[in-house]
Amino acid sequence: MHAAKFVRLAVVAAAFIHLGTVPAVAQNILGFDDMSCAAWSQSKADPDQRAAYVVWLRGFLSGHNYALPKQQVSTISSGTIENHINRYCTTTPNGSFSDGAMRLSDQFSGRNQPIRK
């Protein structure tokens, strides 16, 4: 009797261990061909490109609000968005500004926990 119970417990434990090792599904970010922080930094010299990036970021944050109505990103200016992404890309030059947008949504939605990829 105890052996059967032990086997069932072992099977359940193995299933939970397996679930913990399943990789997360990659997020499909729809954006520009080059979403790198290098592209963001280079756009400083091209006001039209920078404006397009900021509009994309505002749309990303609006999408966050649509998907998570209980964790709304507060009202935020384009200048604040630009400053945040500038800081993110300065500290993470090999990153992407879409990841910076995720960190921004974490900060301004009150969640303060990273979005998991």
PDB file of N, CA and C in Angstrom:
ATOM      1  N   MET A   1       0.823  -1.191   0.000  1.00  0.00           N
ATOM      2  CA  MET A   1       0.000   0.000   0.000  1.00  0.00           C
ATOM      3  C   MET A   1       0.865   1.252   0.000  1.00  0.00           C
ATOM      4  N   HIS A   2       1.872   1.275   0.873  1.00  0.00           N
ATOM      5  CA  HIS A   2       2.743   2.438   0.934  1.00  0.00           C
ATOM      6  C   HIS A   2       3.555   2.581  -0.339  1.00  0.00           C
ATOM      7  N   ALA A   3       3.932   1.490  -0.948  1.00  0.00           N
ATOM      8  CA  ALA A   3       4.721   1.543  -2.184  1.00  0.00           C
ATOM      9  C   ALA A   3       3.905   2.167  -3.316  1.00  0.00           C
ATOM     10  N   ALA A   4       2.641   1.806  -3.428  1.00  0.00           N
ATOM     11  CA  ALA A   4       1.793   2.370  -4.481  1.00  0.00           C
ATOM     12  C   ALA A   4       1.614   3.876  -4.273  1.00  0.00           C
ATOM     13  N   LYS A   5       1.449   4.278  -3.031  1.00  0.00           N
ATOM     14  CA  LYS A   5       1.299   5.699  -2.728  1.00  0.00           C
ATOM     15  C   LYS A   5       2.593   6.445  -3.060  1.00  0.00           C
ATOM     16  N   PHE A   6       3.722   5.833  -2.761  1.00  0.00           N
ATOM     17  CA  PHE A   6       5.021   6.438  -3.056  1.00  0.00           C
ATOM     18  C   PHE A   6       5.214   6.597  -4.565  1.00  0.00           C
ATOM     19  N   VAL A   7       4.817   5.585  -5.330  1.00  0.00           N
ATOM     20  CA  VAL A   7       4.956   5.643  -6.789  1.00  0.00           C
ATOM     21  C   VAL A   7       4.094   6.770  -7.347  1.00  0.00           C
ATOM     22  N   ARG A   8       2.855   6.881  -6.876  1.00  0.00           N
ATOM     23  CA  ARG A   8       1.991   7.967  -7.344  1.00  0.00           C
ATOM     24  C   ARG A   8       2.588   9.333  -7.012  1.00  0.00           C
ATOM     25  N   LEU A   9       3.106   9.470  -5.817  1.00  0.00           N
ATOM     26  CA  LEU A   9       3.728  10.724  -5.403  1.00  0.00           C
ATOM     27  C   LEU A   9       4.949  11.035  -6.269  1.00  0.00           C
ATOM     28  N   ALA A  10       5.737  10.026  -6.584  1.00  0.00           N
ATOM     29  CA  ALA A  10       6.920  10.216  -7.428  1.00  0.00           C
ATOM     30  C   ALA A  10       6.521  10.643  -8.837  1.00  0.00           C
ATOM     31  N   VAL A  11       5.453  10.050  -9.371  1.00  0.00           N
ATOM     32  CA  VAL A  11       4.986  10.413 -10.712  1.00  0.00           C
ATOM     33  C   VAL A  11       4.505  11.867 -10.728  1.00  0.00           C
ATOM     34  N   VAL A  12       3.757  12.266  -9.717  1.00  0.00           N
ATOM     35  CA  VAL A  12       3.277  13.650  -9.636  1.00  0.00           C
ATOM     36  C   VAL A  12       4.459  14.611  -9.507  1.00  0.00           C
ATOM     37  N   ALA A  13       5.431  14.275  -8.675  1.00  0.00           N
ATOM     38  CA  ALA A  13       6.609  15.133  -8.505  1.00  0.00           C
ATOM     39  C   ALA A  13       7.380  15.250  -9.813  1.00  0.00           C
ATOM     40  N   ALA A  14       7.529  14.151 -10.524  1.00  0.00           N
ATOM     41  CA  ALA A  14       8.235  14.182 -11.809  1.00  0.00           C
ATOM     42  C   ALA A  14       7.491  15.059 -12.817  1.00  0.00           C
ATOM     43  N   ALA A  15       6.171  14.998 -12.791  1.00  0.00           N
ATOM     44  CA  ALA A  15       5.381  15.830 -13.709  1.00  0.00           C
ATOM     45  C   ALA A  15       5.597  17.308 -13.408  1.00  0.00           C
ATOM     46  N   PHE A  16       5.623  17.675 -12.133  1.00  0.00           N
ATOM     47  CA  PHE A  16       5.854  19.079 -11.776  1.00  0.00           C
ATOM     48  C   PHE A  16       7.262  19.523 -12.144  1.00  0.00           C
ATOM     49  N   ILE A  17       8.228  18.653 -11.965  1.00  0.00           N
ATOM     50  CA  ILE A  17       9.602  18.989 -12.359  1.00  0.00           C
ATOM     51  C   ILE A  17       9.657  19.209 -13.861  1.00  0.00           C
ATOM     52  N   HIS A  18       8.981  18.354 -14.621  1.00  0.00           N
ATOM     53  CA  HIS A  18       8.956  18.500 -16.082  1.00  0.00           C
ATOM     54  C   HIS A  18       8.282  19.806 -16.483  1.00  0.00           C
ATOM     55  N   LEU A  19       7.191  20.164 -15.831  1.00  0.00           N
ATOM     56  CA  LEU A  19       6.505  21.412 -16.153  1.00  0.00           C
ATOM     57  C   LEU A  19       7.399  22.617 -15.901  1.00  0.00           C
ATOM     58  N   GLY A  20       8.244  22.533 -14.895  1.00  0.00           N
ATOM     59  CA  GLY A  20       9.147  23.633 -14.598  1.00  0.00           C
ATOM     60  C   GLY A  20      10.242  23.807 -15.624  1.00  0.00           C
ATOM     61  N   THR A  21      10.493  22.786 -16.440  1.00  0.00           N
ATOM     62  CA  THR A  21      11.564  22.873 -17.431  1.00  0.00           C
ATOM     63  C   THR A  21      11.052  23.181 -18.830  1.00  0.00           C
ATOM     64  N   VAL A  22       9.739  23.276 -18.998  1.00  0.00           N
ATOM     65  CA  VAL A  22       9.180  23.589 -20.312  1.00  0.00           C
ATOM     66  C   VAL A  22       9.470  25.057 -20.614  1.00  0.00           C
ATOM     67  N   PRO A  23      10.116  25.341 -21.745  1.00  0.00           N
ATOM     68  CA  PRO A  23      10.437  26.737 -22.047  1.00  0.00           C
ATOM     69  C   PRO A  23       9.178  27.551 -22.319  1.00  0.00           C
ATOM     70  N   ALA A  24       9.235  28.826 -21.950  1.00  0.00           N
ATOM     71  CA  ALA A  24       8.111  29.728 -22.199  1.00  0.00           C
ATOM     72  C   ALA A  24       7.987  29.980 -23.697  1.00  0.00           C
ATOM     73  N   VAL A  25       6.780  30.226 -24.129  1.00  0.00           N
ATOM     74  CA  VAL A  25       6.538  30.533 -25.532  1.00  0.00           C
ATOM     75  C   VAL A  25       7.092  31.930 -25.813  1.00  0.00           C
ATOM     76  N   ALA A  26       7.832  32.059 -26.887  1.00  0.00           N
ATOM     77  CA  ALA A  26       8.419  33.347 -27.246  1.00  0.00           C
ATOM     78  C   ALA A  26       7.320  34.334 -27.616  1.00  0.00           C
ATOM     79  N   GLN A  27       7.515  35.574 -27.208  1.00  0.00           N
ATOM     80  CA  GLN A  27       6.558  36.615 -27.571  1.00  0.00           C
ATOM     81  C   GLN A  27       6.833  37.062 -28.990  1.00  0.00           C
ATOM     82  N   ASN A  28       5.783  37.256 -29.733  1.00  0.00           N
ATOM     83  CA  ASN A  28       5.904  37.727 -31.106  1.00  0.00           C
ATOM     84  C   ASN A  28       5.673  39.230 -31.095  1.00  0.00           C
ATOM     85  N   ILE A  29       6.765  39.990 -31.068  1.00  0.00           N
ATOM     86  CA  ILE A  29       6.685  41.446 -31.041  1.00  0.00           C
ATOM     87  C   ILE A  29       6.625  41.954 -32.474  1.00  0.00           C
ATOM     88  N   LEU A  30       5.553  42.647 -32.807  1.00  0.00           N
ATOM     89  CA  LEU A  30       5.400  43.223 -34.139  1.00  0.00           C
ATOM     90  C   LEU A  30       5.916  44.650 -34.096  1.00  0.00           C
ATOM     91  N   GLY A  31       6.989  44.881 -34.814  1.00  0.00           N
ATOM     92  CA  GLY A  31       7.590  46.210 -34.769  1.00  0.00           C
ATOM     93  C   GLY A  31       8.409  46.481 -36.010  1.00  0.00           C
ATOM     94  N   PHE A  32       9.473  47.227 -35.824  1.00  0.00           N
ATOM     95  CA  PHE A  32      10.356  47.602 -36.920  1.00  0.00           C
ATOM     96  C   PHE A  32      11.322  46.463 -37.230  1.00  0.00           C
ATOM     97  N   ASP A  33      11.926  46.508 -38.402  1.00  0.00           N
ATOM     98  CA  ASP A  33      12.902  45.482 -38.769  1.00  0.00           C
ATOM     99  C   ASP A  33      14.069  45.462 -37.790  1.00  0.00           C
ATOM    100  N   ASP A  34      14.481  46.621 -37.322  1.00  0.00           N
ATOM    101  CA  ASP A  34      15.592  46.713 -36.373  1.00  0.00           C
ATOM    102  C   ASP A  34      15.081  47.360 -35.095  1.00  0.00           C
ATOM    103  N   MET A  35      14.903  46.556 -34.062  1.00  0.00           N
ATOM    104  CA  MET A  35      14.407  47.040 -32.774  1.00  0.00           C
ATOM    105  C   MET A  35      15.538  47.140 -31.752  1.00  0.00           C
ATOM    106  N   SER A  36      16.765  47.182 -32.230  1.00  0.00           N
ATOM    107  CA  SER A  36      17.914  47.196 -31.327  1.00  0.00           C
ATOM    108  C   SER A  36      18.074  48.555 -30.658  1.00  0.00           C
ATOM    109  N   CYS A  37      18.756  48.539 -29.529  1.00  0.00           N
ATOM    110  CA  CYS A  37      19.086  49.806 -28.871  1.00  0.00           C
ATOM    111  C   CYS A  37      20.027  50.633 -29.738  1.00  0.00           C
ATOM    112  N   ALA A  38      20.838  49.984 -30.557  1.00  0.00           N
ATOM    113  CA  ALA A  38      21.708  50.731 -31.476  1.00  0.00           C
ATOM    114  C   ALA A  38      20.864  51.533 -32.461  1.00  0.00           C
ATOM    115  N   ALA A  39      19.807  50.921 -32.994  1.00  0.00           N
ATOM    116  CA  ALA A  39      18.914  51.635 -33.919  1.00  0.00           C
ATOM    117  C   ALA A  39      18.225  52.789 -33.196  1.00  0.00           C
ATOM    118  N   TRP A  40      17.801  52.545 -31.957  1.00  0.00           N
ATOM    119  CA  TRP A  40      17.188  53.612 -31.168  1.00  0.00           C
ATOM    120  C   TRP A  40      18.164  54.776 -31.005  1.00  0.00           C
ATOM    121  N   SER A  41      19.386  54.483 -30.616  1.00  0.00           N
ATOM    122  CA  SER A  41      20.389  55.530 -30.393  1.00  0.00           C
ATOM    123  C   SER A  41      20.680  56.302 -31.674  1.00  0.00           C
ATOM    124  N   GLN A  42      20.761  55.593 -32.799  1.00  0.00           N
ATOM    125  CA  GLN A  42      21.031  56.249 -34.080  1.00  0.00           C
ATOM    126  C   GLN A  42      19.867  57.144 -34.508  1.00  0.00           C
ATOM    127  N   SER A  43      18.670  56.828 -34.055  1.00  0.00           N
ATOM    128  CA  SER A  43      17.503  57.615 -34.468  1.00  0.00           C
ATOM    129  C   SER A  43      17.491  59.014 -33.851  1.00  0.00           C
ATOM    130  N   LYS A  44      18.375  59.265 -32.908  1.00  0.00           N
ATOM    131  CA  LYS A  44      18.456  60.609 -32.325  1.00  0.00           C
ATOM    132  C   LYS A  44      18.773  61.650 -33.399  1.00  0.00           C
ATOM    133  N   ALA A  45      19.540  61.242 -34.415  1.00  0.00           N
ATOM    134  CA  ALA A  45      19.912  62.143 -35.511  1.00  0.00           C
ATOM    135  C   ALA A  45      18.824  62.245 -36.583  1.00  0.00           C
ATOM    136  N   ASP A  46      17.775  61.439 -36.471  1.00  0.00           N
ATOM    137  CA  ASP A  46      16.701  61.423 -37.466  1.00  0.00           C
ATOM    138  C   ASP A  46      15.364  61.617 -36.745  1.00  0.00           C
ATOM    139  N   PRO A  47      14.916  62.870 -36.596  1.00  0.00           N
ATOM    140  CA  PRO A  47      13.694  63.136 -35.822  1.00  0.00           C
ATOM    141  C   PRO A  47      12.461  62.368 -36.308  1.00  0.00           C
ATOM    142  N   ASP A  48      12.352  62.148 -37.617  1.00  0.00           N
ATOM    143  CA  ASP A  48      11.196  61.404 -38.128  1.00  0.00           C
ATOM    144  C   ASP A  48      11.233  59.951 -37.668  1.00  0.00           C
ATOM    145  N   GLN A  49      12.413  59.336 -37.721  1.00  0.00           N
ATOM    146  CA  GLN A  49      12.541  57.946 -37.274  1.00  0.00           C
ATOM    147  C   GLN A  49      12.293  57.853 -35.771  1.00  0.00           C
ATOM    148  N   ARG A  50      12.853  58.784 -35.004  1.00  0.00           N
ATOM    149  CA  ARG A  50      12.647  58.777 -33.548  1.00  0.00           C
ATOM    150  C   ARG A  50      11.167  58.935 -33.228  1.00  0.00           C
ATOM    151  N   ALA A  51      10.485  59.817 -33.940  1.00  0.00           N
ATOM    152  CA  ALA A  51       9.048  60.016 -33.714  1.00  0.00           C
ATOM    153  C   ALA A  51       8.274  58.734 -34.022  1.00  0.00           C
ATOM    154  N   ALA A  52       8.667  58.031 -35.084  1.00  0.00           N
ATOM    155  CA  ALA A  52       8.001  56.764 -35.423  1.00  0.00           C
ATOM    156  C   ALA A  52       8.213  55.740 -34.308  1.00  0.00           C
ATOM    157  N   TYR A  53       9.433  55.676 -33.763  1.00  0.00           N
ATOM    158  CA  TYR A  53       9.704  54.754 -32.657  1.00  0.00           C
ATOM    159  C   TYR A  53       8.852  55.106 -31.435  1.00  0.00           C
ATOM    160  N   VAL A  54       8.745  56.385 -31.114  1.00  0.00           N
ATOM    161  CA  VAL A  54       7.961  56.800 -29.945  1.00  0.00           C
ATOM    162  C   VAL A  54       6.481  56.475 -30.152  1.00  0.00           C
ATOM    163  N   VAL A  55       5.982  56.675 -31.363  1.00  0.00           N
ATOM    164  CA  VAL A  55       4.588  56.312 -31.655  1.00  0.00           C
ATOM    165  C   VAL A  55       4.398  54.805 -31.480  1.00  0.00           C
ATOM    166  N   TRP A  56       5.356  54.005 -31.942  1.00  0.00           N
ATOM    167  CA  TRP A  56       5.266  52.551 -31.758  1.00  0.00           C
ATOM    168  C   TRP A  56       5.234  52.221 -30.269  1.00  0.00           C
ATOM    169  N   LEU A  57       6.095  52.864 -29.490  1.00  0.00           N
ATOM    170  CA  LEU A  57       6.142  52.613 -28.049  1.00  0.00           C
ATOM    171  C   LEU A  57       4.817  52.974 -27.380  1.00  0.00           C
ATOM    172  N   ARG A  58       4.209  54.082 -27.791  1.00  0.00           N
ATOM    173  CA  ARG A  58       2.906  54.460 -27.235  1.00  0.00           C
ATOM    174  C   ARG A  58       1.850  53.404 -27.591  1.00  0.00           C
ATOM    175  N   GLY A  59       1.916  52.883 -28.806  1.00  0.00           N
ATOM    176  CA  GLY A  59       1.002  51.816 -29.201  1.00  0.00           C
ATOM    177  C   GLY A  59       1.225  50.548 -28.401  1.00  0.00           C
ATOM    178  N   PHE A  60       2.492  50.234 -28.128  1.00  0.00           N
ATOM    179  CA  PHE A  60       2.823  49.062 -27.314  1.00  0.00           C
ATOM    180  C   PHE A  60       2.213  49.208 -25.923  1.00  0.00           C
ATOM    181  N   LEU A  61       2.374  50.389 -25.333  1.00  0.00           N
ATOM    182  CA  LEU A  61       1.819  50.629 -23.998  1.00  0.00           C
ATOM    183  C   LEU A  61       0.293  50.594 -24.021  1.00  0.00           C
ATOM    184  N   SER A  62      -0.321  51.069 -25.103  1.00  0.00           N
ATOM    185  CA  SER A  62      -1.780  50.977 -25.244  1.00  0.00           C
ATOM    186  C   SER A  62      -2.209  49.519 -25.344  1.00  0.00           C
ATOM    187  N   GLY A  63      -1.426  48.712 -26.049  1.00  0.00           N
ATOM    188  CA  GLY A  63      -1.705  47.277 -26.126  1.00  0.00           C
ATOM    189  C   GLY A  63      -1.625  46.621 -24.760  1.00  0.00           C
ATOM    190  N   HIS A  64      -0.651  47.052 -23.960  1.00  0.00           N
ATOM    191  CA  HIS A  64      -0.542  46.557 -22.583  1.00  0.00           C
ATOM    192  C   HIS A  64      -1.834  46.880 -21.828  1.00  0.00           C
ATOM    193  N   ASN A  65      -2.312  48.119 -21.956  1.00  0.00           N
ATOM    194  CA  ASN A  65      -3.538  48.523 -21.259  1.00  0.00           C
ATOM    195  C   ASN A  65      -4.744  47.725 -21.735  1.00  0.00           C
ATOM    196  N   TYR A  66      -4.795  47.417 -23.023  1.00  0.00           N
ATOM    197  CA  TYR A  66      -5.894  46.626 -23.569  1.00  0.00           C
ATOM    198  C   TYR A  66      -5.857  45.203 -23.009  1.00  0.00           C
ATOM    199  N   ALA A  67      -4.659  44.627 -22.967  1.00  0.00           N
ATOM    200  CA  ALA A  67      -4.524  43.237 -22.529  1.00  0.00           C
ATOM    201  C   ALA A  67      -4.661  43.085 -21.017  1.00  0.00           C
ATOM    202  N   LEU A  68      -4.272  44.105 -20.273  1.00  0.00           N
ATOM    203  CA  LEU A  68      -4.270  44.016 -18.810  1.00  0.00           C
ATOM    204  C   LEU A  68      -5.025  45.206 -18.207  1.00  0.00           C
ATOM    205  N   PRO A  69      -6.348  45.210 -18.319  1.00  0.00           N
ATOM    206  CA  PRO A  69      -7.110  46.373 -17.855  1.00  0.00           C
ATOM    207  C   PRO A  69      -6.975  46.647 -16.357  1.00  0.00           C
ATOM    208  N   LYS A  70      -6.584  45.658 -15.574  1.00  0.00           N
ATOM    209  CA  LYS A  70      -6.418  45.876 -14.132  1.00  0.00           C
ATOM    210  C   LYS A  70      -5.017  46.371 -13.788  1.00  0.00           C
ATOM    211  N   GLN A  71      -4.136  46.452 -14.783  1.00  0.00           N
ATOM    212  CA  GLN A  71      -2.764  46.932 -14.565  1.00  0.00           C
ATOM    213  C   GLN A  71      -2.429  47.991 -15.612  1.00  0.00           C
ATOM    214  N   GLN A  72      -3.231  49.023 -15.664  1.00  0.00           N
ATOM    215  CA  GLN A  72      -3.075  50.066 -16.668  1.00  0.00           C
ATOM    216  C   GLN A  72      -1.772  50.841 -16.483  1.00  0.00           C
ATOM    217  N   VAL A  73      -1.120  51.129 -17.589  1.00  0.00           N
ATOM    218  CA  VAL A  73      -0.008  52.070 -17.579  1.00  0.00           C
ATOM    219  C   VAL A  73      -0.635  53.446 -17.418  1.00  0.00           C
ATOM    220  N   SER A  74      -0.120  54.201 -16.475  1.00  0.00           N
ATOM    221  CA  SER A  74      -0.675  55.531 -16.228  1.00  0.00           C
ATOM    222  C   SER A  74      -0.393  56.457 -17.407  1.00  0.00           C
ATOM    223  N   THR A  75      -1.057  57.597 -17.408  1.00  0.00           N
ATOM    224  CA  THR A  75      -0.815  58.590 -18.452  1.00  0.00           C
ATOM    225  C   THR A  75       0.658  58.964 -18.432  1.00  0.00           C
ATOM    226  N   ILE A  76       1.256  58.984 -19.604  1.00  0.00           N
ATOM    227  CA  ILE A  76       2.698  59.175 -19.697  1.00  0.00           C
ATOM    228  C   ILE A  76       2.996  59.995 -20.950  1.00  0.00           C
ATOM    229  N   SER A  77       3.899  60.940 -20.829  1.00  0.00           N
ATOM    230  CA  SER A  77       4.223  61.799 -21.972  1.00  0.00           C
ATOM    231  C   SER A  77       5.214  61.108 -22.906  1.00  0.00           C
ATOM    232  N   SER A  78       5.236  61.574 -24.131  1.00  0.00           N
ATOM    233  CA  SER A  78       6.205  61.039 -25.097  1.00  0.00           C
ATOM    234  C   SER A  78       7.630  61.314 -24.638  1.00  0.00           C
ATOM    235  N   GLY A  79       7.845  62.463 -23.995  1.00  0.00           N
ATOM    236  CA  GLY A  79       9.174  62.787 -23.475  1.00  0.00           C
ATOM    237  C   GLY A  79       9.623  61.816 -22.401  1.00  0.00           C
ATOM    238  N   THR A  80       8.702  61.420 -21.530  1.00  0.00           N
ATOM    239  CA  THR A  80       9.026  60.446 -20.484  1.00  0.00           C
ATOM    240  C   THR A  80       9.355  59.095 -21.106  1.00  0.00           C
ATOM    241  N   ILE A  81       8.585  58.704 -22.107  1.00  0.00           N
ATOM    242  CA  ILE A  81       8.862  57.446 -22.806  1.00  0.00           C
ATOM    243  C   ILE A  81      10.254  57.500 -23.422  1.00  0.00           C
ATOM    244  N   GLU A  82      10.550  58.577 -24.114  1.00  0.00           N
ATOM    245  CA  GLU A  82      11.851  58.712 -24.774  1.00  0.00           C
ATOM    246  C   GLU A  82      12.985  58.687 -23.752  1.00  0.00           C
ATOM    247  N   ASN A  83      12.829  59.403 -22.638  1.00  0.00           N
ATOM    248  CA  ASN A  83      13.866  59.405 -21.603  1.00  0.00           C
ATOM    249  C   ASN A  83      14.082  58.019 -21.018  1.00  0.00           C
ATOM    250  N   HIS A  84      12.992  57.293 -20.793  1.00  0.00           N
ATOM    251  CA  HIS A  84      13.113  55.943 -20.230  1.00  0.00           C
ATOM    252  C   HIS A  84      13.871  55.021 -21.191  1.00  0.00           C
ATOM    253  N   ILE A  85      13.507  55.069 -22.463  1.00  0.00           N
ATOM    254  CA  ILE A  85      14.171  54.199 -23.441  1.00  0.00           C
ATOM    255  C   ILE A  85      15.628  54.625 -23.618  1.00  0.00           C
ATOM    256  N   ASN A  86      15.907  55.922 -23.567  1.00  0.00           N
ATOM    257  CA  ASN A  86      17.305  56.372 -23.613  1.00  0.00           C
ATOM    258  C   ASN A  86      18.103  55.759 -22.467  1.00  0.00           C
ATOM    259  N   ARG A  87      17.563  55.812 -21.250  1.00  0.00           N
ATOM    260  CA  ARG A  87      18.260  55.227 -20.090  1.00  0.00           C
ATOM    261  C   ARG A  87      18.407  53.719 -20.250  1.00  0.00           C
ATOM    262  N   TYR A  88      17.326  53.064 -20.688  1.00  0.00           N
ATOM    263  CA  TYR A  88      17.385  51.609 -20.858  1.00  0.00           C
ATOM    264  C   TYR A  88      18.481  51.236 -21.854  1.00  0.00           C
ATOM    265  N   CYS A  89      18.516  51.921 -22.981  1.00  0.00           N
ATOM    266  CA  CYS A  89      19.486  51.579 -24.027  1.00  0.00           C
ATOM    267  C   CYS A  89      20.906  51.985 -23.654  1.00  0.00           C
ATOM    268  N   THR A  90      21.064  52.967 -22.775  1.00  0.00           N
ATOM    269  CA  THR A  90      22.397  53.317 -22.287  1.00  0.00           C
ATOM    270  C   THR A  90      22.933  52.213 -21.383  1.00  0.00           C
ATOM    271  N   THR A  91      22.066  51.667 -20.538  1.00  0.00           N
ATOM    272  CA  THR A  91      22.503  50.609 -19.621  1.00  0.00           C
ATOM    273  C   THR A  91      22.496  49.228 -20.265  1.00  0.00           C
ATOM    274  N   THR A  92      21.757  49.065 -21.363  1.00  0.00           N
ATOM    275  CA  THR A  92      21.650  47.773 -22.049  1.00  0.00           C
ATOM    276  C   THR A  92      21.874  47.987 -23.547  1.00  0.00           C
ATOM    277  N   PRO A  93      23.091  48.371 -23.953  1.00  0.00           N
ATOM    278  CA  PRO A  93      23.315  48.731 -25.358  1.00  0.00           C
ATOM    279  C   PRO A  93      23.107  47.581 -26.343  1.00  0.00           C
ATOM    280  N   ASN A  94      23.221  46.348 -25.887  1.00  0.00           N
ATOM    281  CA  ASN A  94      23.007  45.205 -26.778  1.00  0.00           C
ATOM    282  C   ASN A  94      21.570  44.703 -26.735  1.00  0.00           C
ATOM    283  N   GLY A  95      20.717  45.409 -26.011  1.00  0.00           N
ATOM    284  CA  GLY A  95      19.322  45.009 -25.889  1.00  0.00           C
ATOM    285  C   GLY A  95      18.476  45.552 -27.025  1.00  0.00           C
ATOM    286  N   SER A  96      17.174  45.417 -26.845  1.00  0.00           N
ATOM    287  CA  SER A  96      16.233  45.954 -27.833  1.00  0.00           C
ATOM    288  C   SER A  96      15.320  46.949 -27.131  1.00  0.00           C
ATOM    289  N   PHE A  97      14.902  47.954 -27.869  1.00  0.00           N
ATOM    290  CA  PHE A  97      14.045  48.935 -27.210  1.00  0.00           C
ATOM    291  C   PHE A  97      12.647  48.390 -26.959  1.00  0.00           C
ATOM    292  N   SER A  98      12.289  47.267 -27.579  1.00  0.00           N
ATOM    293  CA  SER A  98      11.016  46.629 -27.218  1.00  0.00           C
ATOM    294  C   SER A  98      11.103  46.063 -25.797  1.00  0.00           C
ATOM    295  N   ASP A  99      12.272  45.547 -25.408  1.00  0.00           N
ATOM    296  CA  ASP A  99      12.449  45.109 -24.020  1.00  0.00           C
ATOM    297  C   ASP A  99      12.369  46.307 -23.079  1.00  0.00           C
ATOM    298  N   GLY A 100      12.914  47.440 -23.522  1.00  0.00           N
ATOM    299  CA  GLY A 100      12.790  48.660 -22.733  1.00  0.00           C
ATOM    300  C   GLY A 100      11.334  49.062 -22.556  1.00  0.00           C
ATOM    301  N   ALA A 101      10.527  48.842 -23.586  1.00  0.00           N
ATOM    302  CA  ALA A 101       9.093  49.135 -23.490  1.00  0.00           C
ATOM    303  C   ALA A 101       8.428  48.226 -22.460  1.00  0.00           C
ATOM    304  N   MET A 102       8.857  46.977 -22.400  1.00  0.00           N
ATOM    305  CA  MET A 102       8.303  46.062 -21.398  1.00  0.00           C
ATOM    306  C   MET A 102       8.661  46.518 -19.995  1.00  0.00           C
ATOM    307  N   ARG A 103       9.904  46.941 -19.800  1.00  0.00           N
ATOM    308  CA  ARG A 103      10.313  47.446 -18.485  1.00  0.00           C
ATOM    309  C   ARG A 103       9.528  48.712 -18.128  1.00  0.00           C
ATOM    310  N   LEU A 104       9.279  49.544 -19.129  1.00  0.00           N
ATOM    311  CA  LEU A 104       8.501  50.763 -18.920  1.00  0.00           C
ATOM    312  C   LEU A 104       7.080  50.418 -18.489  1.00  0.00           C
ATOM    313  N   SER A 105       6.486  49.433 -19.136  1.00  0.00           N
ATOM    314  CA  SER A 105       5.126  49.031 -18.750  1.00  0.00           C
ATOM    315  C   SER A 105       5.117  48.445 -17.346  1.00  0.00           C
ATOM    316  N   ASP A 106       6.192  47.740 -16.968  1.00  0.00           N
ATOM    317  CA  ASP A 106       6.295  47.230 -15.594  1.00  0.00           C
ATOM    318  C   ASP A 106       6.266  48.380 -14.599  1.00  0.00           C
ATOM    319  N   GLN A 107       7.079  49.381 -14.869  1.00  0.00           N
ATOM    320  CA  GLN A 107       7.237  50.501 -13.945  1.00  0.00           C
ATOM    321  C   GLN A 107       5.972  51.345 -13.838  1.00  0.00           C
ATOM    322  N   PHE A 108       5.356  51.660 -14.953  1.00  0.00           N
ATOM    323  CA  PHE A 108       4.236  52.594 -14.942  1.00  0.00           C
ATOM    324  C   PHE A 108       2.873  51.924 -14.779  1.00  0.00           C
ATOM    325  N   SER A 109       2.834  50.591 -14.731  1.00  0.00           N
ATOM    326  CA  SER A 109       1.558  49.911 -14.487  1.00  0.00           C
ATOM    327  C   SER A 109       1.397  49.575 -13.012  1.00  0.00           C
ATOM    328  N   GLY A 110       2.434  49.817 -12.227  1.00  0.00           N
ATOM    329  CA  GLY A 110       2.373  49.499 -10.809  1.00  0.00           C
ATOM    330  C   GLY A 110       2.669  48.048 -10.507  1.00  0.00           C
ATOM    331  N   ARG A 111       2.980  47.270 -11.527  1.00  0.00           N
ATOM    332  CA  ARG A 111       3.251  45.859 -11.306  1.00  0.00           C
ATOM    333  C   ARG A 111       4.641  45.656 -10.736  1.00  0.00           C
ATOM    334  N   ASN A 112       5.620  46.397 -11.257  1.00  0.00           N
ATOM    335  CA  ASN A 112       7.009  46.353 -10.802  1.00  0.00           C
ATOM    336  C   ASN A 112       7.612  44.955 -10.809  1.00  0.00           C
ATOM    337  N   GLN A 113       7.140  44.114 -11.693  1.00  0.00           N
ATOM    338  CA  GLN A 113       7.731  42.803 -11.910  1.00  0.00           C
ATOM    339  C   GLN A 113       7.910  42.640 -13.401  1.00  0.00           C
ATOM    340  N   PRO A 114       9.049  42.082 -13.811  1.00  0.00           N
ATOM    341  CA  PRO A 114       9.284  41.962 -15.248  1.00  0.00           C
ATOM    342  C   PRO A 114       8.293  41.038 -15.935  1.00  0.00           C
ATOM    343  N   ILE A 115       8.001  41.384 -17.170  1.00  0.00           N
ATOM    344  CA  ILE A 115       7.220  40.500 -18.024  1.00  0.00           C
ATOM    345  C   ILE A 115       8.114  39.334 -18.382  1.00  0.00           C
ATOM    346  N   ARG A 116       7.607  38.139 -18.280  1.00  0.00           N
ATOM    347  CA  ARG A 116       8.416  36.963 -18.601  1.00  0.00           C
ATOM    348  C   ARG A 116       8.235  36.620 -20.062  1.00  0.00           C
ATOM    349  N   LYS A 117       9.358  36.386 -20.731  1.00  0.00           N
ATOM    350  CA  LYS A 117       9.321  36.015 -22.144  1.00  0.00           C
ATOM    351  C   LYS A 117       9.011  34.554 -22.271  1.00  0.00           C
TER     352      LYS A 117
END
